[in-house]
């Protein structure tokens, strides 16, 4: 392989990696969502409120992680 071919090969690998990382992140989110969808009967109102806050914080963290990975992938080009 010639040195001038390396950047194009690396770019293709990064494209594939970025695409697969996004797919894996979506699968992970789907699996986590399934776990969170389980209902617990007879919960108190304050427990529901706490769970809502936890889900909101979790979603914000996952979105921030996804944005960070996307920015890092863009910066590597």
C-alpha atoms as a PDB file:
ATOM      1  CA  UNK A   1       0.000   0.000   0.000  1.00  0.00           C
ATOM      2  CA  UNK A   2       1.324   3.428  -0.908  1.00  0.00           C
ATOM      3  CA  UNK A   3       1.476   6.239   1.648  1.00  0.00           C
ATOM      4  CA  UNK A   4      -0.938   8.382  -0.370  1.00  0.00           C
ATOM      5  CA  UNK A   5      -3.546   5.593  -0.178  1.00  0.00           C
ATOM      6  CA  UNK A   6      -3.431   5.485   3.618  1.00  0.00           C
ATOM      7  CA  UNK A   7      -5.510   8.617   4.316  1.00  0.00           C
ATOM      8  CA  UNK A   8      -8.338   7.378   2.065  1.00  0.00           C
ATOM      9  CA  UNK A   9      -8.236   3.940   3.738  1.00  0.00           C
ATOM     10  CA  UNK A  10      -8.279   5.526   7.183  1.00  0.00           C
ATOM     11  CA  UNK A  11     -11.191   7.756   6.185  1.00  0.00           C
ATOM     12  CA  UNK A  12     -13.167   4.725   4.964  1.00  0.00           C
ATOM     13  CA  UNK A  13     -12.441   2.899   8.227  1.00  0.00           C
ATOM     14  CA  UNK A  14     -13.540   5.912  10.279  1.00  0.00           C
ATOM     15  CA  UNK A  15     -16.747   6.158   8.236  1.00  0.00           C
ATOM     16  CA  UNK A  16     -17.501   2.492   8.885  1.00  0.00           C
ATOM     17  CA  UNK A  17     -16.645   2.868  12.579  1.00  0.00           C
ATOM     18  CA  UNK A  18     -18.864   5.938  12.948  1.00  0.00           C
ATOM     19  CA  UNK A  19     -21.779   4.206  11.224  1.00  0.00           C
ATOM     20  CA  UNK A  20     -21.450   1.095  13.386  1.00  0.00           C
ATOM     21  CA  UNK A  21     -20.987   3.098  16.592  1.00  0.00           C
ATOM     22  CA  UNK A  22     -24.262   4.883  15.892  1.00  0.00           C
ATOM     23  CA  UNK A  23     -26.044   1.580  15.174  1.00  0.00           C
ATOM     24  CA  UNK A  24     -24.682   0.054  18.395  1.00  0.00           C
ATOM     25  CA  UNK A  25     -25.678   3.137  20.393  1.00  0.00           C
ATOM     26  CA  UNK A  26     -29.221   2.890  19.002  1.00  0.00           C
ATOM     27  CA  UNK A  27     -29.402  -0.803  19.899  1.00  0.00           C
ATOM     28  CA  UNK A  28     -28.176  -0.006  23.410  1.00  0.00           C
ATOM     29  CA  UNK A  29     -30.815   2.721  23.780  1.00  0.00           C
ATOM     30  CA  UNK A  30     -33.525   0.333  22.580  1.00  0.00           C
ATOM     31  CA  UNK A  31     -32.455  -2.329  25.086  1.00  0.00           C
ATOM     32  CA  UNK A  32     -32.339   0.194  27.920  1.00  0.00           C
ATOM     33  CA  UNK A  33     -35.774   1.485  26.927  1.00  0.00           C
ATOM     34  CA  UNK A  34     -37.186  -2.026  27.117  1.00  0.00           C
ATOM     35  CA  UNK A  35     -35.866  -2.387  30.666  1.00  0.00           C
ATOM     36  CA  UNK A  36     -37.334   0.975  31.632  1.00  0.00           C
ATOM     37  CA  UNK A  37     -40.729   0.025  30.185  1.00  0.00           C
ATOM     38  CA  UNK A  38     -41.399  -2.512  32.932  1.00  0.00           C
ATOM     39  CA  UNK A  39     -44.260  -1.461  35.195  1.00  0.00           C
ATOM     40  CA  UNK A  40     -44.233  -1.763  38.945  1.00  0.00           C
ATOM     41  CA  UNK A  41     -47.720  -1.900  40.462  1.00  0.00           C
ATOM     42  CA  UNK A  42     -48.828   0.184  43.461  1.00  0.00           C
ATOM     43  CA  UNK A  43     -46.051   2.779  43.298  1.00  0.00           C
ATOM     44  CA  UNK A  44     -46.266   5.920  45.382  1.00  0.00           C
ATOM     45  CA  UNK A  45     -46.430   9.260  43.601  1.00  0.00           C
ATOM     46  CA  UNK A  46     -43.014  10.373  44.913  1.00  0.00           C
ATOM     47  CA  UNK A  47     -41.444   7.194  43.488  1.00  0.00           C
ATOM     48  CA  UNK A  48     -42.928   7.972  40.065  1.00  0.00           C
ATOM     49  CA  UNK A  49     -41.587  11.529  40.314  1.00  0.00           C
ATOM     50  CA  UNK A  50     -38.100  10.235  41.205  1.00  0.00           C
ATOM     51  CA  UNK A  51     -38.194   7.754  38.316  1.00  0.00           C
ATOM     52  CA  UNK A  52     -39.199  10.529  35.910  1.00  0.00           C
ATOM     53  CA  UNK A  53     -36.226  12.614  37.020  1.00  0.00           C
ATOM     54  CA  UNK A  54     -33.901   9.615  36.632  1.00  0.00           C
ATOM     55  CA  UNK A  55     -35.134   8.891  33.102  1.00  0.00           C
ATOM     56  CA  UNK A  56     -34.731  12.552  32.135  1.00  0.00           C
ATOM     57  CA  UNK A  57     -31.174  12.677  33.471  1.00  0.00           C
ATOM     58  CA  UNK A  58     -30.330   9.385  31.756  1.00  0.00           C
ATOM     59  CA  UNK A  59     -31.667  10.624  28.415  1.00  0.00           C
ATOM     60  CA  UNK A  60     -29.646  13.839  28.720  1.00  0.00           C
ATOM     61  CA  UNK A  61     -26.474  11.873  29.485  1.00  0.00           C
ATOM     62  CA  UNK A  62     -27.011   9.501  26.562  1.00  0.00           C
ATOM     63  CA  UNK A  63     -27.637  12.430  24.219  1.00  0.00           C
ATOM     64  CA  UNK A  64     -24.486  14.179  25.483  1.00  0.00           C
ATOM     65  CA  UNK A  65     -22.430  10.992  24.994  1.00  0.00           C
ATOM     66  CA  UNK A  66     -23.771  10.581  21.477  1.00  0.00           C
ATOM     67  CA  UNK A  67     -22.986  14.212  20.625  1.00  0.00           C
ATOM     68  CA  UNK A  68     -19.461  13.847  22.023  1.00  0.00           C
ATOM     69  CA  UNK A  69     -18.781  10.723  19.937  1.00  0.00           C
ATOM     70  CA  UNK A  70     -20.145  12.464  16.841  1.00  0.00           C
ATOM     71  CA  UNK A  71     -17.956  15.551  17.404  1.00  0.00           C
ATOM     72  CA  UNK A  72     -14.883  13.409  18.023  1.00  0.00           C
ATOM     73  CA  UNK A  73     -15.532  11.483  14.800  1.00  0.00           C
ATOM     74  CA  UNK A  74     -15.975  14.736  12.864  1.00  0.00           C
ATOM     75  CA  UNK A  75     -12.773  16.190  14.361  1.00  0.00           C
ATOM     76  CA  UNK A  76     -10.771  13.124  13.358  1.00  0.00           C
ATOM     77  CA  UNK A  77     -11.379  13.827   9.655  1.00  0.00           C
END
